[in-house]
Amino acid sequence: MLYGYNLAVVNSPTVHIKAFYNATWRSRYGEDLSQRSLMLMYSLTVSIFALGGLVGSFPVGILVTIFGRNGTLVRSNLLVLLAGTLMGFSRYMESPEMVIFGRFIIGIHSGICLSVVPMYLGEIAPKNLRGFLGLVPSIFICLGVFSAQVLGLPELLGEDAYWPLILSVVVIPSLVQFTLLNWFPESPRYLLIEKNNVEEATVALRWFLGKYDVQDVIEEMEEEKRSLASVETLSVWQLLRDRSVRWQVLSVVVINMGMQLSGIDAIWFYTNAIFENAGIPDPEIPYTTVGTGAIEVIAGLIGCFTIEKLGRRPLVITGFCFMGICCAGITVSLLLQAAVSWMRYVSVACVIGIIAGFCIGPAGVPFLMTADLFKQSQRPSAYIVGGSLNWLSNFTVGFVFPFLQMSAGAYCYLVFCGICLVVALYVYFIIPETKNKTFMEISHMFASRHSFFSRLPNAVKMVKFNGYGALENSSLEYSGSESNP
């Protein structure tokens, strides 16, 4: 929830934060910031959150090995308390640096949690509920975004006097999480496979599954443990060099980068600016933004309750295709806006469509797939790879989008359209369905896919056909050579 909140919280107080930066600069140096410098400084404030997330994703493998999944989440709340304090007192101290550094620290917290939470849920969930629980974080991300939008209304914390409070209110849910997580057991897979503690793993399984007989689950984990007995936890470099999982690694790269480069971060970071460019009257913008937040919560619930019925692939493919169509729709509506007055409402509908398409599948399924596609020894490094690229893409969009919008105008959304459609095609052709599959079964599915693709160069080759080169299947060539003398 904190991740979603911090994504969207800088949207409503944009004008007030810029005014604070300008006033502070004037008091220090006796002159105003130029428009370009102010935009650069504010873009840094927005995007440094993602840079912090990138930094936070690096030590995840070490942290979850030392402290466990639950233990890492509990300790990470200390970062929120520090960040909230910095941002809350930044105006009193007349220090824009405290806002920027606070955003960086809260980004580190999100970078850790965005990798550890789906890992934790993927390991504690029974096979038939792994998809449902895997999408629960995406619902809370949407709720976090919606909470930031509601608190940003002028009637609540959207006025100039309250912007430090809206940035620092994150300490409240952090304290609640710090208190409640101590009551939850550690991941049973971590306890049994990595710590070799069968007794505590059994107790944790009984707590999570709500039944006494958990022997079948213990046996499944024991089988995975035996298969990993001679295998140590892979480092990131070892994972990248492991040819047996190269399709899984490539899939994690594509879906995590595609998730952020789809344009959703531009929508969340700069919703008000997008609606302003679309011609929505200023007094209506905050309420239109809250409306989009309500839609994304509903879309997230739809995805959560349909994933076990439809599977991972249909939700991801449908979500990315719908987002691509809506990105193209925004471009068309902005180009026709001067000639057709009602096109501004088409822009709003397309923004809502992008958010809905994202929350139905791409918001949570990439993290779930990362948990599905790798064995225990590979999973921490896989989350580092996916998380790092996710945050790097997030930073790129947050920092570059204002300048891209300024230079390319309405056509900037076609970039996001192309990325969405490419990712949808990749998932359709490459990634298998992982619903109700064990980790070992998924690994075998990818291994067979790797074997199929590796045979393609030998199955299709150039042959002579009446003096000209032609592509021909090797089996046809063989049968043909037998029938011709």
Protein backbone atom coordinates (compact mmCIF):
# COMPACT_ATOMS: atom_id res chain seq x y z
CA MET A 1 0.00 0.00 0.00
CA LEU A 2 2.86 2.39 0.83
CA TYR A 3 4.36 1.83 -2.61
CA GLY A 4 1.14 2.91 -4.33
CA TYR A 5 0.71 5.85 -1.97
CA ASN A 6 4.22 7.17 -2.62
CA LEU A 7 3.81 6.74 -6.36
CA ALA A 8 0.81 9.08 -6.47
CA VAL A 9 1.31 11.36 -3.46
CA VAL A 10 3.46 13.91 -5.35
CA ASN A 11 0.74 14.48 -7.95
CA SER A 12 -1.69 16.73 -6.04
CA PRO A 13 0.81 19.00 -4.19
CA THR A 14 2.90 19.63 -7.33
CA VAL A 15 2.18 23.37 -7.43
CA HIS A 16 2.83 23.82 -3.69
CA ILE A 17 6.12 21.87 -3.71
CA LYS A 18 7.36 23.84 -6.74
CA ALA A 19 6.43 27.09 -4.98
CA PHE A 20 8.35 25.94 -1.88
CA TYR A 21 11.42 25.12 -3.99
CA ASN A 22 11.28 28.49 -5.71
CA ALA A 23 10.79 30.44 -2.47
CA THR A 24 13.68 28.59 -0.79
CA TRP A 25 15.94 29.23 -3.77
CA ARG A 26 15.00 32.92 -3.74
CA SER A 27 15.74 33.25 -0.01
CA ARG A 28 19.14 31.59 -0.47
CA TYR A 29 20.36 33.16 -3.69
CA GLY A 30 18.15 36.23 -4.21
CA GLU A 31 16.63 35.09 -7.52
CA ASP A 32 13.93 32.75 -8.81
CA LEU A 33 14.59 29.40 -10.39
CA SER A 34 14.23 29.29 -14.17
CA GLN A 35 11.29 27.29 -15.47
CA ARG A 36 13.57 24.56 -16.84
CA SER A 37 15.58 24.32 -13.59
CA LEU A 38 12.38 24.11 -11.55
CA MET A 39 11.06 21.33 -13.79
CA LEU A 40 14.37 19.49 -13.50
CA MET A 41 14.36 19.81 -9.70
CA TYR A 42 10.77 18.62 -9.41
CA SER A 43 11.34 15.75 -11.86
CA LEU A 44 14.23 14.67 -9.65
CA THR A 45 11.94 14.77 -6.61
CA VAL A 46 9.43 12.54 -8.38
CA SER A 47 11.86 10.09 -9.94
CA ILE A 48 14.39 9.75 -7.12
CA PHE A 49 11.79 7.58 -5.42
CA ALA A 50 12.43 5.02 -8.16
CA LEU A 51 16.20 5.47 -7.83
CA GLY A 52 15.84 4.61 -4.14
CA GLY A 53 13.78 1.59 -5.14
CA LEU A 54 16.60 0.49 -7.44
CA VAL A 55 19.09 0.74 -4.56
CA GLY A 56 16.70 -1.09 -2.24
CA SER A 57 16.27 -3.99 -4.65
CA PHE A 58 20.01 -4.85 -4.68
CA PRO A 59 20.43 -6.23 -1.13
CA VAL A 60 17.14 -8.18 -1.16
CA GLY A 61 18.85 -11.53 -1.69
CA ILE A 62 21.17 -11.00 1.28
CA LEU A 63 18.44 -9.59 3.53
CA VAL A 64 15.94 -12.41 2.97
CA THR A 65 18.66 -15.00 3.54
CA ILE A 66 19.83 -13.45 6.82
CA PHE A 67 16.57 -12.14 8.30
CA GLY A 68 13.99 -14.21 6.43
CA ARG A 69 11.08 -12.87 4.42
CA ASN A 70 8.97 -11.69 7.35
CA GLY A 71 11.97 -10.41 9.29
CA THR A 72 13.09 -8.25 6.37
CA LEU A 73 9.63 -6.68 6.05
CA VAL A 74 9.51 -5.87 9.77
CA ARG A 75 12.92 -4.17 9.80
CA SER A 76 12.27 -2.20 6.60
CA ASN A 77 9.64 -0.10 8.41
CA LEU A 78 12.44 1.81 10.15
CA LEU A 79 13.23 3.40 6.78
CA VAL A 80 9.67 4.74 6.53
CA LEU A 81 9.92 6.37 9.95
CA LEU A 82 13.17 8.10 8.92
CA ALA A 83 11.78 9.24 5.54
CA GLY A 84 8.53 10.50 7.06
CA THR A 85 10.43 12.55 9.61
CA LEU A 86 12.64 14.16 6.94
CA MET A 87 9.76 15.09 4.65
CA GLY A 88 7.50 16.20 7.50
CA PHE A 89 10.01 18.73 8.85
CA SER A 90 11.39 19.87 5.46
CA ARG A 91 9.28 23.03 5.31
CA TYR A 92 10.11 24.00 8.88
CA MET A 93 13.83 23.57 8.12
CA GLU A 94 13.45 25.32 4.71
CA SER A 95 15.21 22.40 3.05
CA PRO A 96 14.16 20.97 -0.34
CA GLU A 97 17.03 18.53 0.14
CA MET A 98 15.09 16.89 2.99
CA VAL A 99 12.14 16.28 0.66
CA ILE A 100 14.36 14.77 -2.02
CA PHE A 101 16.37 12.64 0.42
CA GLY A 102 13.17 11.53 2.15
CA ARG A 103 11.75 10.42 -1.20
CA PHE A 104 14.98 8.51 -1.84
CA ILE A 105 14.77 6.67 1.50
CA ILE A 106 11.09 5.83 1.10
CA GLY A 107 12.06 4.49 -2.33
CA ILE A 108 14.62 2.16 -0.73
CA HIS A 109 11.85 0.82 1.51
CA SER A 110 9.58 0.26 -1.48
CA GLY A 111 12.40 -1.41 -3.42
CA ILE A 112 12.85 -3.93 -0.62
CA CYS A 113 9.15 -4.57 -0.07
CA LEU A 114 8.21 -4.79 -3.73
CA SER A 115 10.52 -7.81 -4.03
CA VAL A 116 10.01 -9.40 -0.61
CA VAL A 117 6.20 -9.17 -0.34
CA PRO A 118 5.42 -11.25 -3.47
CA MET A 119 8.23 -13.64 -2.52
CA TYR A 120 6.70 -14.09 0.95
CA LEU A 121 3.14 -14.51 -0.38
CA GLY A 122 4.27 -16.87 -3.14
CA GLU A 123 5.96 -19.12 -0.58
CA ILE A 124 3.16 -19.21 2.00
CA ALA A 125 0.27 -19.61 -0.49
CA PRO A 126 -1.19 -23.03 -1.32
CA LYS A 127 -0.94 -23.96 -4.99
CA ASN A 128 -4.62 -23.27 -5.75
CA LEU A 129 -4.51 -19.78 -4.17
CA ARG A 130 -1.08 -18.64 -5.34
CA GLY A 131 -2.56 -16.51 -8.11
CA PHE A 132 -5.15 -14.88 -5.85
CA LEU A 133 -2.67 -14.03 -3.10
CA GLY A 134 -0.13 -12.97 -5.70
CA LEU A 135 -2.48 -10.24 -6.90
CA VAL A 136 -3.45 -9.05 -3.42
CA PRO A 137 -0.45 -6.65 -3.34
CA SER A 138 -1.66 -5.03 -6.57
CA ILE A 139 -5.01 -4.29 -4.91
CA PHE A 140 -3.26 -2.62 -2.01
CA ILE A 141 -1.05 -0.68 -4.44
CA CYS A 142 -4.26 0.60 -6.04
CA LEU A 143 -5.68 1.41 -2.61
CA GLY A 144 -2.48 3.31 -1.80
CA VAL A 145 -2.80 5.34 -5.00
CA PHE A 146 -6.47 6.00 -4.26
CA SER A 147 -5.66 7.06 -0.67
CA ALA A 148 -3.08 9.58 -1.94
CA GLN A 149 -5.60 10.97 -4.41
CA VAL A 150 -8.33 11.33 -1.76
CA LEU A 151 -6.02 12.97 0.78
CA GLY A 152 -4.87 15.33 -1.97
CA LEU A 153 -8.34 16.85 -2.37
CA PRO A 154 -8.53 20.57 -1.46
CA GLU A 155 -10.97 19.77 1.36
CA LEU A 156 -8.42 17.48 3.06
CA LEU A 157 -4.64 17.84 2.70
CA GLY A 158 -4.48 19.38 -0.77
CA GLU A 159 -3.83 22.95 0.36
CA ASP A 160 -0.42 24.62 0.56
CA ALA A 161 -0.20 24.42 4.36
CA TYR A 162 -0.54 20.62 4.44
CA TRP A 163 1.79 19.25 1.76
CA PRO A 164 4.51 18.21 4.28
CA LEU A 165 1.83 16.30 6.18
CA ILE A 166 0.53 14.44 3.13
CA LEU A 167 4.12 13.33 2.37
CA SER A 168 4.85 12.18 5.93
CA VAL A 169 1.54 10.49 6.84
CA VAL A 170 3.11 7.19 5.67
CA VAL A 171 4.51 6.70 9.18
CA ILE A 172 1.04 5.70 10.44
CA PRO A 173 0.49 2.57 8.29
CA SER A 174 4.16 1.75 8.75
CA LEU A 175 3.73 1.60 12.54
CA VAL A 176 0.65 -0.60 12.09
CA GLN A 177 2.58 -2.96 9.83
CA PHE A 178 5.54 -3.05 12.21
CA THR A 179 3.21 -4.12 15.03
CA LEU A 180 1.12 -6.70 13.16
CA LEU A 181 3.85 -8.46 11.17
CA ASN A 182 5.51 -9.64 14.37
CA TRP A 183 2.49 -11.91 14.91
CA PHE A 184 2.92 -13.67 11.56
CA PRO A 185 5.15 -16.76 11.12
CA GLU A 186 8.15 -16.87 8.81
CA SER A 187 7.86 -18.44 5.34
CA PRO A 188 7.66 -22.26 5.70
CA ARG A 189 9.76 -22.76 2.55
CA TYR A 190 12.47 -20.53 3.96
CA LEU A 191 12.40 -22.37 7.30
CA LEU A 192 12.55 -25.85 5.77
CA ILE A 193 14.66 -25.44 2.62
CA GLU A 194 17.12 -22.77 3.73
CA LYS A 195 17.16 -23.20 7.55
CA ASN A 196 16.44 -26.96 7.63
CA ASN A 197 13.95 -26.42 10.48
CA VAL A 198 11.15 -28.94 9.82
CA GLU A 199 9.46 -28.33 13.17
CA GLU A 200 9.03 -24.57 12.74
CA ALA A 201 8.08 -25.01 9.08
CA THR A 202 5.31 -27.43 10.12
CA VAL A 203 4.01 -24.97 12.74
CA ALA A 204 4.03 -22.15 10.18
CA LEU A 205 2.19 -24.26 7.59
CA ARG A 206 -0.49 -25.20 10.10
CA TRP A 207 -0.91 -21.51 10.95
CA PHE A 208 -1.17 -20.39 7.33
CA LEU A 209 -3.26 -23.29 5.97
CA GLY A 210 -5.54 -23.60 8.99
CA LYS A 211 -5.27 -27.41 9.19
CA TYR A 212 -3.23 -29.88 11.21
CA ASP A 213 -2.26 -32.36 8.48
CA VAL A 214 0.28 -30.61 6.27
CA GLN A 215 2.40 -33.65 5.46
CA ASP A 216 1.72 -33.47 1.70
CA VAL A 217 3.04 -29.90 1.55
CA ILE A 218 6.07 -30.85 3.65
CA GLU A 219 6.82 -33.70 1.25
CA GLU A 220 6.60 -31.38 -1.77
CA MET A 221 9.05 -28.97 -0.14
CA GLU A 222 11.31 -31.88 0.87
CA GLU A 223 11.37 -32.98 -2.78
CA GLU A 224 12.40 -29.50 -3.85
CA LYS A 225 14.98 -29.44 -1.08
CA ARG A 226 16.49 -32.74 -2.25
CA SER A 227 16.67 -31.44 -5.81
CA LEU A 228 18.55 -28.41 -4.48
CA ALA A 229 20.73 -30.34 -2.02
CA SER A 230 23.87 -29.91 -4.10
CA VAL A 231 22.91 -26.44 -5.33
CA GLU A 232 23.74 -23.27 -3.44
CA THR A 233 21.72 -20.07 -3.72
CA LEU A 234 22.69 -18.50 -7.03
CA SER A 235 24.15 -15.03 -7.24
CA VAL A 236 22.81 -12.61 -9.83
CA TRP A 237 25.81 -13.21 -12.07
CA GLN A 238 25.41 -17.00 -11.78
CA LEU A 239 21.69 -16.71 -12.59
CA LEU A 240 22.39 -14.61 -15.68
CA ARG A 241 24.97 -17.18 -16.89
CA ASP A 242 22.75 -20.22 -16.21
CA ARG A 243 21.61 -21.38 -19.66
CA SER A 244 18.92 -23.64 -18.18
CA VAL A 245 16.88 -20.63 -17.03
CA ARG A 246 17.71 -18.09 -19.72
CA TRP A 247 14.11 -18.03 -21.00
CA GLN A 248 12.83 -17.44 -17.47
CA VAL A 249 15.35 -14.63 -16.95
CA LEU A 250 14.47 -13.04 -20.29
CA SER A 251 10.78 -13.27 -19.39
CA VAL A 252 11.37 -11.53 -16.07
CA VAL A 253 13.31 -8.78 -17.87
CA VAL A 254 10.56 -8.23 -20.45
CA ILE A 255 7.56 -8.22 -18.11
CA ASN A 256 9.20 -6.08 -15.41
CA MET A 257 10.51 -3.46 -17.82
CA GLY A 258 7.26 -3.56 -19.78
CA MET A 259 5.27 -3.04 -16.60
CA GLN A 260 6.91 0.33 -15.93
CA LEU A 261 7.57 1.44 -19.52
CA SER A 262 3.89 0.90 -20.33
CA GLY A 263 3.20 4.51 -19.32
CA ILE A 264 1.43 3.80 -16.06
CA ASP A 265 4.03 5.72 -14.04
CA ALA A 266 3.57 8.76 -16.25
CA ILE A 267 -0.16 8.55 -15.50
CA TRP A 268 0.33 8.20 -11.74
CA PHE A 269 3.11 10.79 -11.38
CA TYR A 270 1.57 13.44 -13.63
CA THR A 271 -2.20 12.76 -13.67
CA ASN A 272 -3.15 16.37 -12.99
CA ALA A 273 -0.79 17.69 -15.69
CA ILE A 274 -2.17 15.18 -18.22
CA PHE A 275 -5.75 16.21 -17.48
CA GLU A 276 -4.76 19.87 -17.66
CA ASN A 277 -3.25 19.32 -21.13
CA ALA A 278 -6.43 17.48 -22.11
CA GLY A 279 -8.45 20.61 -21.36
CA ILE A 280 -10.19 19.53 -18.14
CA PRO A 281 -11.10 22.65 -16.07
CA ASP A 282 -8.75 23.12 -13.09
CA PRO A 283 -11.46 22.86 -10.36
CA GLU A 284 -12.57 19.47 -11.76
CA ILE A 285 -9.11 17.88 -12.02
CA PRO A 286 -8.71 16.65 -8.38
CA TYR A 287 -12.11 14.94 -8.45
CA THR A 288 -11.47 13.42 -11.88
CA THR A 289 -8.21 12.05 -10.50
CA VAL A 290 -10.01 10.48 -7.52
CA GLY A 291 -12.45 8.90 -9.97
CA THR A 292 -9.56 7.20 -11.77
CA GLY A 293 -8.35 5.89 -8.41
CA ALA A 294 -11.73 4.30 -7.70
CA ILE A 295 -11.68 2.63 -11.12
CA GLU A 296 -8.23 1.14 -10.51
CA VAL A 297 -9.34 -0.39 -7.19
CA ILE A 298 -12.33 -2.02 -8.93
CA ALA A 299 -10.11 -3.26 -11.78
CA GLY A 300 -7.64 -4.69 -9.27
CA LEU A 301 -10.43 -6.61 -7.54
CA ILE A 302 -11.62 -7.99 -10.88
CA GLY A 303 -8.13 -9.25 -11.65
CA CYS A 304 -7.72 -10.72 -8.18
CA PHE A 305 -10.94 -12.72 -8.29
CA THR A 306 -10.55 -13.95 -11.89
CA ILE A 307 -6.89 -14.94 -12.00
CA GLU A 308 -7.44 -18.48 -10.69
CA LYS A 309 -10.22 -19.01 -13.24
CA LEU A 310 -8.63 -17.37 -16.28
CA GLY A 311 -4.92 -17.85 -15.51
CA ARG A 312 -1.94 -15.48 -15.56
CA ARG A 313 -1.40 -15.19 -19.32
CA PRO A 314 -4.87 -13.97 -20.36
CA LEU A 315 -4.84 -11.21 -17.73
CA VAL A 316 -1.38 -9.97 -18.72
CA ILE A 317 -2.01 -10.14 -22.47
CA THR A 318 -5.44 -8.48 -22.22
CA GLY A 319 -4.14 -5.81 -19.86
CA PHE A 320 -1.18 -4.81 -22.02
CA CYS A 321 -3.24 -4.84 -25.25
CA PHE A 322 -5.93 -2.66 -23.68
CA MET A 323 -3.30 -0.25 -22.35
CA GLY A 324 -1.69 -0.01 -25.80
CA ILE A 325 -5.01 0.79 -27.46
CA CYS A 326 -5.79 3.46 -24.85
CA CYS A 327 -2.33 5.06 -25.25
CA ALA A 328 -3.03 5.38 -28.96
CA GLY A 329 -6.45 6.76 -28.07
CA ILE A 330 -4.91 9.54 -25.96
CA THR A 331 -2.73 10.58 -28.91
CA VAL A 332 -5.73 10.71 -31.26
CA SER A 333 -7.91 12.60 -28.77
CA LEU A 334 -5.22 15.21 -28.07
CA LEU A 335 -4.64 15.76 -31.80
CA LEU A 336 -8.37 16.25 -32.43
CA GLN A 337 -9.03 18.20 -29.25
CA ALA A 338 -8.89 21.63 -30.91
CA ALA A 339 -11.44 20.63 -33.55
CA VAL A 340 -13.77 18.45 -31.45
CA SER A 341 -14.65 19.78 -27.99
CA TRP A 342 -15.77 16.47 -26.51
CA MET A 343 -12.39 14.83 -27.23
CA ARG A 344 -11.18 15.86 -23.77
CA TYR A 345 -13.60 13.31 -22.32
CA VAL A 346 -12.13 10.69 -24.62
CA SER A 347 -8.72 11.53 -23.11
CA VAL A 348 -10.12 10.97 -19.62
CA ALA A 349 -11.68 7.67 -20.71
CA CYS A 350 -8.35 6.52 -22.19
CA VAL A 351 -6.47 7.42 -18.99
CA ILE A 352 -9.03 5.40 -17.03
CA GLY A 353 -8.62 2.58 -19.55
CA ILE A 354 -4.82 2.54 -19.11
CA ILE A 355 -5.20 2.36 -15.33
CA ALA A 356 -7.91 -0.32 -15.50
CA GLY A 357 -5.92 -2.41 -17.98
CA PHE A 358 -2.84 -2.16 -15.78
CA CYS A 359 -4.62 -3.09 -12.54
CA ILE A 360 -6.41 -6.08 -14.05
CA GLY A 361 -3.18 -7.94 -14.81
CA PRO A 362 0.16 -6.18 -15.38
CA ALA A 363 0.08 -4.56 -11.93
CA GLY A 364 0.60 -7.76 -9.97
CA VAL A 365 1.12 -10.70 -12.30
CA PRO A 366 4.79 -9.88 -13.17
CA PHE A 367 5.75 -10.22 -9.48
CA LEU A 368 3.70 -13.40 -9.23
CA MET A 369 5.35 -14.82 -12.34
CA THR A 370 8.79 -14.11 -10.90
CA ALA A 371 7.86 -16.28 -7.92
CA ASP A 372 6.37 -18.94 -10.21
CA LEU A 373 9.22 -19.24 -12.71
CA PHE A 374 12.17 -19.96 -10.41
CA LYS A 375 13.28 -22.52 -7.86
CA GLN A 376 14.14 -21.64 -4.26
CA SER A 377 17.87 -21.30 -4.98
CA GLN A 378 17.26 -18.92 -7.90
CA ARG A 379 14.38 -16.85 -6.56
CA PRO A 380 16.23 -14.15 -4.54
CA SER A 381 18.51 -13.29 -7.47
CA ALA A 382 15.56 -13.36 -9.88
CA TYR A 383 13.81 -10.77 -7.73
CA ILE A 384 16.94 -8.63 -7.73
CA VAL A 385 17.09 -8.74 -11.54
CA GLY A 386 13.38 -8.05 -11.97
CA GLY A 387 13.24 -5.44 -9.22
CA SER A 388 16.31 -3.58 -10.48
CA LEU A 389 14.99 -3.30 -14.03
CA ASN A 390 11.53 -2.44 -12.73
CA TRP A 391 12.86 0.48 -10.71
CA LEU A 392 15.30 1.63 -13.38
CA SER A 393 12.41 1.80 -15.86
CA ASN A 394 10.29 3.58 -13.25
CA PHE A 395 13.02 6.19 -12.76
CA THR A 396 13.41 6.66 -16.51
CA VAL A 397 9.71 7.34 -17.05
CA GLY A 398 9.39 9.62 -14.02
CA PHE A 399 12.38 11.73 -14.99
CA VAL A 400 12.02 11.79 -18.77
CA PHE A 401 8.24 12.04 -19.27
CA PRO A 402 7.86 15.84 -18.69
CA PHE A 403 10.59 16.53 -21.23
CA LEU A 404 9.22 13.88 -23.64
CA GLN A 405 5.78 15.43 -23.39
CA MET A 406 7.23 18.89 -23.98
CA SER A 407 9.16 17.82 -27.10
CA ALA A 408 6.86 15.18 -28.68
CA GLY A 409 3.49 16.49 -27.53
CA ALA A 410 0.59 14.12 -28.11
CA TYR A 411 2.82 11.63 -29.94
CA CYS A 412 4.72 10.73 -26.74
CA TYR A 413 2.00 8.20 -25.86
CA LEU A 414 2.72 6.19 -29.02
CA VAL A 415 6.01 5.12 -27.41
CA PHE A 416 4.06 3.53 -24.57
CA CYS A 417 1.59 2.03 -27.06
CA GLY A 418 4.39 0.23 -28.91
CA ILE A 419 5.94 -1.12 -25.71
CA CYS A 420 2.60 -2.48 -24.45
CA LEU A 421 1.90 -4.35 -27.68
CA VAL A 422 5.43 -5.81 -27.86
CA VAL A 423 5.19 -7.14 -24.29
CA ALA A 424 1.74 -8.64 -24.99
CA LEU A 425 3.14 -10.48 -28.03
CA TYR A 426 6.12 -11.77 -26.05
CA VAL A 427 3.89 -13.17 -23.29
CA TYR A 428 1.59 -14.75 -25.89
CA PHE A 429 4.38 -16.58 -27.75
CA ILE A 430 6.95 -17.31 -25.02
CA ILE A 431 5.61 -17.51 -21.45
CA PRO A 432 3.57 -20.64 -20.57
CA GLU A 433 0.60 -20.66 -18.23
CA THR A 434 1.74 -21.28 -14.62
CA LYS A 435 -1.68 -21.62 -12.94
CA ASN A 436 -1.88 -24.55 -10.48
CA LYS A 437 1.63 -25.70 -11.39
CA THR A 438 4.35 -26.55 -8.91
CA PHE A 439 7.74 -24.88 -9.18
CA MET A 440 9.23 -28.10 -10.53
CA GLU A 441 6.53 -28.48 -13.20
CA ILE A 442 7.05 -24.89 -14.39
CA SER A 443 10.78 -25.47 -14.60
CA HIS A 444 10.21 -28.55 -16.79
CA MET A 445 7.82 -26.58 -19.04
CA PHE A 446 10.48 -23.97 -19.69
CA ALA A 447 13.12 -26.64 -20.20
CA SER A 448 10.99 -28.26 -22.94
CA ARG A 449 10.38 -24.84 -24.52
CA HIS A 450 14.12 -24.18 -24.53
CA SER A 451 14.65 -27.55 -26.21
CA PHE A 452 12.05 -26.70 -28.88
CA PHE A 453 13.63 -23.34 -29.75
CA SER A 454 17.13 -24.80 -29.77
CA ARG A 455 16.03 -27.34 -32.42
CA LEU A 456 14.55 -24.71 -34.75
CA PRO A 457 17.83 -23.87 -36.55
CA ASN A 458 18.32 -27.55 -37.39
CA ALA A 459 14.66 -28.06 -38.37
CA VAL A 460 14.61 -25.28 -40.95
CA LYS A 461 17.48 -24.68 -43.41
CA MET A 462 18.32 -23.56 -46.95
CA VAL A 463 18.09 -26.14 -49.71
CA LYS A 464 18.49 -26.04 -53.49
CA PHE A 465 15.21 -25.74 -55.37
CA ASN A 466 15.57 -25.50 -59.17
CA GLY A 467 18.78 -23.56 -58.79
CA TYR A 468 17.43 -21.10 -56.18
CA GLY A 469 17.80 -21.07 -52.42
CA ALA A 470 14.60 -21.82 -50.47
CA LEU A 471 13.60 -22.43 -46.86
CA GLU A 472 12.42 -25.94 -46.29
CA ASN A 473 11.64 -28.07 -43.25
CA SER A 474 14.32 -30.72 -42.71
CA SER A 475 11.81 -33.52 -42.30
CA LEU A 476 10.18 -32.59 -45.62
CA GLU A 477 13.58 -32.38 -47.22
CA TYR A 478 14.39 -35.86 -45.99
CA SER A 479 11.12 -37.36 -47.19
CA GLY A 480 11.49 -35.55 -50.51
CA SER A 481 14.99 -36.87 -51.06
CA GLU A 482 13.70 -40.37 -50.60
CA SER A 483 10.94 -39.99 -53.19
CA ASN A 484 13.16 -38.40 -55.85
CA PRO A 485 15.85 -40.48 -57.53
